[in-house]
C-alpha atoms as a PDB file:
ATOM      1  CA  MET A   1     113.414 -14.603  51.633  1.00  0.00           C
ATOM      2  CA  VAL A   2     116.505 -16.590  52.580  1.00  0.00           C
ATOM      3  CA  ALA A   3     115.959 -19.436  55.034  1.00  0.00           C
ATOM      4  CA  PRO A   4     117.663 -19.194  58.442  1.00  0.00           C
ATOM      5  CA  GLY A   5     121.262 -20.376  58.268  1.00  0.00           C
ATOM      6  CA  LEU A   6     121.723 -19.373  54.624  1.00  0.00           C
ATOM      7  CA  ILE A   7     123.240 -16.295  53.002  1.00  0.00           C
ATOM      8  CA  ILE A   8     123.391 -15.088  49.395  1.00  0.00           C
ATOM      9  CA  ASP A   9     126.914 -14.841  48.022  1.00  0.00           C
ATOM     10  CA  GLN A  10     128.339 -12.320  45.560  1.00  0.00           C
ATOM     11  CA  ASN A  11     127.085 -14.459  42.673  1.00  0.00           C
ATOM     12  CA  GLY A  12     123.535 -14.567  43.953  1.00  0.00           C
ATOM     13  CA  LEU A  13     123.788 -18.161  45.164  1.00  0.00           C
ATOM     14  CA  ALA A  14     122.605 -19.405  48.541  1.00  0.00           C
ATOM     15  CA  ARG A  15     125.344 -20.756  50.798  1.00  0.00           C
ATOM     16  CA  CYS A  16     125.538 -21.981  54.379  1.00  0.00           C
ATOM     17  CA  LEU A  17     125.928 -19.009  56.723  1.00  0.00           C
ATOM     18  CA  TRP A  18     129.097 -20.319  58.403  1.00  0.00           C
ATOM     19  CA  ARG A  19     130.926 -19.842  55.088  1.00  0.00           C
ATOM     20  CA  SER A  20     131.009 -16.102  55.799  1.00  0.00           C
ATOM     21  CA  ALA A  21     132.619 -16.411  59.233  1.00  0.00           C
ATOM     22  CA  ALA A  22     136.197 -16.289  57.888  1.00  0.00           C
ATOM     23  CA  SER A  23     137.909 -15.974  54.522  1.00  0.00           C
ATOM     24  CA  GLU A  24     139.387 -19.481  54.872  1.00  0.00           C
ATOM     25  CA  TYR A  25     135.892 -20.929  55.030  1.00  0.00           C
ATOM     26  CA  VAL A  26     134.927 -19.787  51.527  1.00  0.00           C
ATOM     27  CA  HIS A  27     137.027 -22.409  49.722  1.00  0.00           C
ATOM     28  CA  TYR A  28     136.568 -24.973  52.491  1.00  0.00           C
ATOM     29  CA  HIS A  29     132.763 -24.725  52.296  1.00  0.00           C
ATOM     30  CA  ASP A  30     132.516 -24.598  48.508  1.00  0.00           C
ATOM     31  CA  CYS A  31     135.199 -27.103  47.520  1.00  0.00           C
ATOM     32  CA  GLU A  32     135.830 -29.469  50.437  1.00  0.00           C
ATOM     33  CA  TRP A  33     133.226 -29.763  53.170  1.00  0.00           C
ATOM     34  CA  GLY A  34     130.740 -32.534  52.508  1.00  0.00           C
ATOM     35  CA  ARG A  35     132.280 -33.763  49.269  1.00  0.00           C
ATOM     36  CA  PRO A  36     132.809 -37.547  49.446  1.00  0.00           C
ATOM     37  CA  VAL A  37     136.377 -38.630  50.142  1.00  0.00           C
ATOM     38  CA  TYR A  38     137.618 -42.193  49.631  1.00  0.00           C
ATOM     39  CA  ASP A  39     141.357 -41.714  49.966  1.00  0.00           C
ATOM     40  CA  ASP A  40     142.796 -43.463  53.038  1.00  0.00           C
ATOM     41  CA  VAL A  41     145.355 -40.756  53.777  1.00  0.00           C
ATOM     42  CA  ARG A  42     142.847 -37.914  53.591  1.00  0.00           C
ATOM     43  CA  LEU A  43     140.392 -39.798  55.778  1.00  0.00           C
ATOM     44  CA  PHE A  44     143.089 -40.573  58.334  1.00  0.00           C
ATOM     45  CA  GLU A  45     144.292 -36.975  58.285  1.00  0.00           C
ATOM     46  CA  LYS A  46     140.801 -35.683  58.948  1.00  0.00           C
ATOM     47  CA  ILE A  47     140.211 -37.991  61.908  1.00  0.00           C
ATOM     48  CA  CYS A  48     143.521 -36.835  63.366  1.00  0.00           C
ATOM     49  CA  LEU A  49     142.786 -33.155  62.806  1.00  0.00           C
ATOM     50  CA  GLU A  50     139.319 -33.503  64.310  1.00  0.00           C
ATOM     51  CA  GLY A  51     140.994 -35.005  67.358  1.00  0.00           C
ATOM     52  CA  PHE A  52     143.384 -32.072  67.572  1.00  0.00           C
ATOM     53  CA  GLN A  53     140.412 -29.729  67.226  1.00  0.00           C
ATOM     54  CA  ALA A  54     138.699 -31.080  70.360  1.00  0.00           C
ATOM     55  CA  GLY A  55     138.174 -28.112  72.682  1.00  0.00           C
ATOM     56  CA  MET A  56     139.180 -25.619  69.978  1.00  0.00           C
ATOM     57  CA  ALA A  57     137.623 -23.908  66.967  1.00  0.00           C
ATOM     58  CA  TRP A  58     137.986 -25.743  63.644  1.00  0.00           C
ATOM     59  CA  LEU A  59     139.226 -22.504  62.109  1.00  0.00           C
ATOM     60  CA  THR A  60     142.326 -22.717  64.308  1.00  0.00           C
ATOM     61  CA  ILE A  61     143.135 -26.159  62.919  1.00  0.00           C
ATOM     62  CA  LEU A  62     142.286 -25.200  59.358  1.00  0.00           C
ATOM     63  CA  ARG A  63     144.750 -22.322  59.518  1.00  0.00           C
ATOM     64  CA  LYS A  64     147.428 -24.699  60.799  1.00  0.00           C
ATOM     65  CA  ARG A  65     146.566 -27.568  58.450  1.00  0.00           C
ATOM     66  CA  GLU A  66     149.548 -27.160  56.125  1.00  0.00           C
ATOM     67  CA  HIS A  67     151.872 -27.049  59.144  1.00  0.00           C
ATOM     68  CA  PHE A  68     150.271 -30.251  60.422  1.00  0.00           C
ATOM     69  CA  ARG A  69     150.748 -31.911  57.045  1.00  0.00           C
ATOM     70  CA  GLU A  70     154.407 -30.965  56.953  1.00  0.00           C
ATOM     71  CA  ALA A  71     155.008 -32.025  60.553  1.00  0.00           C
ATOM     72  CA  PHE A  72     153.273 -35.397  60.149  1.00  0.00           C
ATOM     73  CA  ASP A  73     154.783 -36.331  56.759  1.00  0.00           C
ATOM     74  CA  GLY A  74     151.534 -35.713  54.917  1.00  0.00           C
ATOM     75  CA  PHE A  75     149.743 -38.040  57.378  1.00  0.00           C
ATOM     76  CA  ASP A  76     151.123 -41.051  55.530  1.00  0.00           C
ATOM     77  CA  ILE A  77     149.751 -43.864  57.677  1.00  0.00           C
ATOM     78  CA  ASP A  78     152.760 -46.175  57.586  1.00  0.00           C
ATOM     79  CA  THR A  79     155.195 -43.346  58.226  1.00  0.00           C
ATOM     80  CA  VAL A  80     153.266 -42.006  61.228  1.00  0.00           C
ATOM     81  CA  ALA A  81     152.750 -45.537  62.571  1.00  0.00           C
ATOM     82  CA  ALA A  82     156.536 -45.929  62.688  1.00  0.00           C
ATOM     83  CA  TYR A  83     157.151 -42.708  64.652  1.00  0.00           C
ATOM     84  CA  THR A  84     159.219 -43.005  67.810  1.00  0.00           C
ATOM     85  CA  GLU A  85     159.566 -41.005  70.995  1.00  0.00           C
ATOM     86  CA  ALA A  86     162.074 -38.812  69.162  1.00  0.00           C
ATOM     87  CA  ASP A  87     159.318 -37.839  66.729  1.00  0.00           C
ATOM     88  CA  VAL A  88     157.011 -37.034  69.624  1.00  0.00           C
ATOM     89  CA  GLU A  89     159.616 -34.683  71.061  1.00  0.00           C
ATOM     90  CA  ARG A  90     160.166 -33.150  67.616  1.00  0.00           C
ATOM     91  CA  LEU A  91     156.450 -32.486  67.273  1.00  0.00           C
ATOM     92  CA  MET A  92     156.243 -31.027  70.779  1.00  0.00           C
ATOM     93  CA  THR A  93     158.707 -28.317  69.738  1.00  0.00           C
ATOM     94  CA  ASN A  94     156.886 -27.441  66.499  1.00  0.00           C
ATOM     95  CA  PRO A  95     155.101 -24.077  66.929  1.00  0.00           C
ATOM     96  CA  GLY A  96     153.090 -24.590  63.750  1.00  0.00           C
ATOM     97  CA  ILE A  97     150.874 -27.291  65.235  1.00  0.00           C
ATOM     98  CA  VAL A  98     148.892 -27.831  68.425  1.00  0.00           C
ATOM     99  CA  ARG A  99     151.527 -29.077  70.853  1.00  0.00           C
ATOM    100  CA  ASN A 100     149.386 -31.366  72.950  1.00  0.00           C
ATOM    101  CA  ARG A 101     151.244 -34.527  73.899  1.00  0.00           C
ATOM    102  CA  ALA A 102     148.114 -36.617  74.409  1.00  0.00           C
ATOM    103  CA  LYS A 103     146.794 -35.688  70.955  1.00  0.00           C
ATOM    104  CA  ILE A 104     150.174 -36.308  69.322  1.00  0.00           C
ATOM    105  CA  LEU A 105     150.407 -39.737  70.951  1.00  0.00           C
ATOM    106  CA  SER A 106     146.836 -40.405  69.864  1.00  0.00           C
ATOM    107  CA  THR A 107     147.800 -39.703  66.254  1.00  0.00           C
ATOM    108  CA  LEU A 108     150.629 -42.248  66.434  1.00  0.00           C
ATOM    109  CA  ASN A 109     148.351 -44.802  68.066  1.00  0.00           C
ATOM    110  CA  ASN A 110     145.580 -44.237  65.539  1.00  0.00           C
ATOM    111  CA  ALA A 111     148.009 -44.672  62.641  1.00  0.00           C
ATOM    112  CA  ARG A 112     148.887 -48.112  63.995  1.00  0.00           C
ATOM    113  CA  ARG A 113     145.216 -48.961  64.461  1.00  0.00           C
ATOM    114  CA  ALA A 114     144.499 -47.708  60.922  1.00  0.00           C
ATOM    115  CA  ARG A 115     147.215 -50.012  59.585  1.00  0.00           C
ATOM    116  CA  GLU A 116     145.424 -52.922  61.262  1.00  0.00           C
ATOM    117  CA  LEU A 117     142.116 -51.987  59.649  1.00  0.00           C
ATOM    118  CA  ILE A 118     143.760 -51.692  56.230  1.00  0.00           C
ATOM    119  CA  ASP A 119     145.306 -55.134  56.646  1.00  0.00           C
ATOM    120  CA  GLU A 120     141.901 -56.570  57.581  1.00  0.00           C
ATOM    121  CA  SER A 121     139.603 -54.734  55.176  1.00  0.00           C
ATOM    122  CA  GLY A 122     141.804 -53.763  52.254  1.00  0.00           C
ATOM    123  CA  SER A 123     141.431 -50.036  52.890  1.00  0.00           C
ATOM    124  CA  LEU A 124     140.559 -47.647  55.671  1.00  0.00           C
ATOM    125  CA  SER A 125     138.046 -46.075  53.313  1.00  0.00           C
ATOM    126  CA  ALA A 126     136.075 -49.291  52.844  1.00  0.00           C
ATOM    127  CA  TRP A 127     135.856 -49.815  56.584  1.00  0.00           C
ATOM    128  CA  LEU A 128     134.829 -46.250  57.420  1.00  0.00           C
ATOM    129  CA  TRP A 129     132.308 -45.882  54.594  1.00  0.00           C
ATOM    130  CA  ALA A 130     130.467 -48.940  55.845  1.00  0.00           C
ATOM    131  CA  PHE A 131     129.229 -46.644  58.630  1.00  0.00           C
ATOM    132  CA  GLU A 132     127.524 -44.259  56.214  1.00  0.00           C
ATOM    133  CA  PRO A 133     124.012 -43.973  57.676  1.00  0.00           C
ATOM    134  CA  PRO A 134     121.086 -45.483  55.761  1.00  0.00           C
ATOM    135  CA  ASP A 135     118.599 -43.105  54.166  1.00  0.00           C
ATOM    136  CA  GLU A 136     115.977 -43.783  56.837  1.00  0.00           C
ATOM    137  CA  GLU A 137     118.258 -42.296  59.491  1.00  0.00           C
ATOM    138  CA  ARG A 138     118.615 -39.022  57.623  1.00  0.00           C
ATOM    139  CA  PRO A 139     116.116 -36.140  57.673  1.00  0.00           C
ATOM    140  CA  LYS A 140     114.455 -35.098  54.442  1.00  0.00           C
ATOM    141  CA  THR A 141     115.333 -31.460  55.141  1.00  0.00           C
ATOM    142  CA  ILE A 142     118.574 -30.161  56.637  1.00  0.00           C
ATOM    143  CA  ASP A 143     117.745 -26.843  58.253  1.00  0.00           C
ATOM    144  CA  LEU A 144     119.248 -24.708  60.996  1.00  0.00           C
ATOM    145  CA  ASP A 145     117.098 -26.340  63.654  1.00  0.00           C
ATOM    146  CA  TYR A 146     118.442 -29.761  62.648  1.00  0.00           C
ATOM    147  CA  TRP A 147     122.018 -28.491  62.753  1.00  0.00           C
ATOM    148  CA  ASN A 148     121.606 -26.978  66.204  1.00  0.00           C
ATOM    149  CA  ALA A 149     119.870 -30.023  67.638  1.00  0.00           C
ATOM    150  CA  ASN A 150     122.231 -32.691  66.259  1.00  0.00           C
ATOM    151  CA  PRO A 151     125.922 -32.361  67.204  1.00  0.00           C
ATOM    152  CA  LEU A 152     126.157 -36.136  66.802  1.00  0.00           C
ATOM    153  CA  SER A 153     124.129 -38.958  65.262  1.00  0.00           C
ATOM    154  CA  THR A 154     123.306 -42.608  65.757  1.00  0.00           C
ATOM    155  CA  ALA A 155     125.768 -43.401  62.958  1.00  0.00           C
ATOM    156  CA  SER A 156     128.589 -41.425  64.577  1.00  0.00           C
ATOM    157  CA  ILE A 157     127.866 -43.191  67.870  1.00  0.00           C
ATOM    158  CA  ARG A 158     128.169 -46.559  66.117  1.00  0.00           C
ATOM    159  CA  LEU A 159     131.415 -45.517  64.440  1.00  0.00           C
ATOM    160  CA  SER A 160     132.842 -44.137  67.688  1.00  0.00           C
ATOM    161  CA  LYS A 161     132.104 -47.354  69.549  1.00  0.00           C
ATOM    162  CA  ALA A 162     133.604 -49.482  66.784  1.00  0.00           C
ATOM    163  CA  LEU A 163     136.821 -47.449  66.631  1.00  0.00           C
ATOM    164  CA  LYS A 164     137.204 -47.303  70.412  1.00  0.00           C
ATOM    165  CA  LYS A 165     136.751 -51.072  70.566  1.00  0.00           C
ATOM    166  CA  ARG A 166     139.720 -51.331  68.206  1.00  0.00           C
ATOM    167  CA  GLY A 167     141.869 -49.066  70.348  1.00  0.00           C
ATOM    168  CA  TRP A 168     141.473 -45.694  68.626  1.00  0.00           C
ATOM    169  CA  THR A 169     141.524 -42.569  70.808  1.00  0.00           C
ATOM    170  CA  PHE A 170     140.071 -39.042  70.517  1.00  0.00           C
ATOM    171  CA  VAL A 171     137.220 -40.485  68.471  1.00  0.00           C
ATOM    172  CA  GLY A 172     134.114 -39.490  70.401  1.00  0.00           C
ATOM    173  CA  PRO A 173     130.735 -39.412  68.606  1.00  0.00           C
ATOM    174  CA  THR A 174     130.672 -35.594  68.278  1.00  0.00           C
ATOM    175  CA  THR A 175     134.185 -35.573  66.821  1.00  0.00           C
ATOM    176  CA  LEU A 176     133.216 -38.311  64.387  1.00  0.00           C
ATOM    177  CA  TYR A 177     130.012 -36.607  63.338  1.00  0.00           C
ATOM    178  CA  ALA A 178     132.101 -33.589  62.323  1.00  0.00           C
ATOM    179  CA  PHE A 179     134.359 -36.020  60.443  1.00  0.00           C
ATOM    180  CA  MET A 180     131.368 -37.603  58.680  1.00  0.00           C
ATOM    181  CA  GLN A 181     130.013 -34.181  57.709  1.00  0.00           C
ATOM    182  CA  ALA A 182     133.341 -33.032  56.304  1.00  0.00           C
ATOM    183  CA  MET A 183     134.221 -36.229  54.413  1.00  0.00           C
ATOM    184  CA  GLY A 184     130.817 -36.646  52.794  1.00  0.00           C
ATOM    185  CA  LEU A 185     129.550 -39.668  54.705  1.00  0.00           C
ATOM    186  CA  VAL A 186     126.576 -37.374  55.267  1.00  0.00           C
ATOM    187  CA  ASN A 187     125.570 -34.258  53.348  1.00  0.00           C
ATOM    188  CA  ASP A 188     124.806 -31.584  55.911  1.00  0.00           C
ATOM    189  CA  HIS A 189     124.851 -28.566  53.654  1.00  0.00           C
ATOM    190  CA  LEU A 190     121.601 -26.841  54.423  1.00  0.00           C
ATOM    191  CA  THR A 191     118.679 -27.445  52.118  1.00  0.00           C
ATOM    192  CA  GLY A 192     118.873 -24.569  49.636  1.00  0.00           C
ATOM    193  CA  CYS A 193     122.683 -24.279  49.713  1.00  0.00           C
ATOM    194  CA  ALA A 194     124.118 -24.229  46.195  1.00  0.00           C
ATOM    195  CA  CYS A 195     126.560 -27.023  47.105  1.00  0.00           C
ATOM    196  CA  ARG A 196     123.979 -29.496  48.348  1.00  0.00           C
ATOM    197  CA  ASP A 197     122.616 -30.934  45.085  1.00  0.00           C
ATOM    198  CA  GLU A 198     126.062 -31.137  43.493  1.00  0.00           C
ATOM    199  CA  ILE A 199     127.364 -33.104  46.460  1.00  0.00           C
ATOM    200  CA  GLU A 200     124.370 -35.441  46.366  1.00  0.00           C
ATOM    201  CA  GLN A 201     125.207 -36.204  42.749  1.00  0.00           C
ATOM    202  CA  GLN A 202     128.830 -36.929  43.684  1.00  0.00           C
ATOM    203  CA  ARG A 203     127.744 -39.221  46.499  1.00  0.00           C
ATOM    204  CA  ALA A 204     125.318 -41.105  44.263  1.00  0.00           C
ATOM    205  CA  ALA A 205     127.949 -41.563  41.545  1.00  0.00           C
ATOM    206  CA  LYS A 206     130.938 -42.609  43.605  1.00  0.00           C
ATOM    207  CA  HIS A 207     130.178 -43.947  47.071  1.00  0.00           C
ATOM    208  CA  GLN A 208     130.591 -47.619  47.815  1.00  0.00           C
ATOM    209  CA  ARG A 209     129.236 -49.634  50.717  1.00  0.00           C
ATOM    210  CA  VAL A 210     131.444 -52.343  52.221  1.00  0.00           C
ATOM    211  CA  SER A 211     130.547 -54.167  55.433  1.00  0.00           C
ATOM    212  CA  PRO A 212     133.127 -53.780  58.202  1.00  0.00           C
ATOM    213  CA  ALA A 213     135.042 -56.843  59.299  1.00  0.00           C
END
């Protein structure tokens, strides 16, 4: 019997149930979500997209992701940090993205704040990964009850406070928990999902801990 929150795919493997909600989720679940990411640009992009997603379904943003990447010059941090009011107006007329002025301005602001963190810590990745929660904060089993009861975590609260203190915006603890789940700072694939053990191996092999400045 399959545990709640899991389904069996066409290959007979257990997967998280949300994978079946839309065709775009198949690749996202299997190949992206939860796999550890250490690239500054990808991490910055994800924080920005999670901010745009606030109040919307992630699927909406996922379907627009390539448009976002094109509009924001691949989320290159230095390029976005140098955007001007003319770029804001350009983005506000782009139908391929979410045209929310506050969220667009937040992206520009956060690029500048990210540049500061890179200058201080050597990389955005090193700074963010220092907020990976210790093992004692993580449950031994990730089941549907845990998912439903935990839209945020003590680690995402810590990260949210630290980023807000440094001037970042649209970085609430729920937004940042979704970021941590997606970028592999935590592995929230349900226990029994075929991706879970593989991701744990990737995390054990590659992740680095660096104390934030």
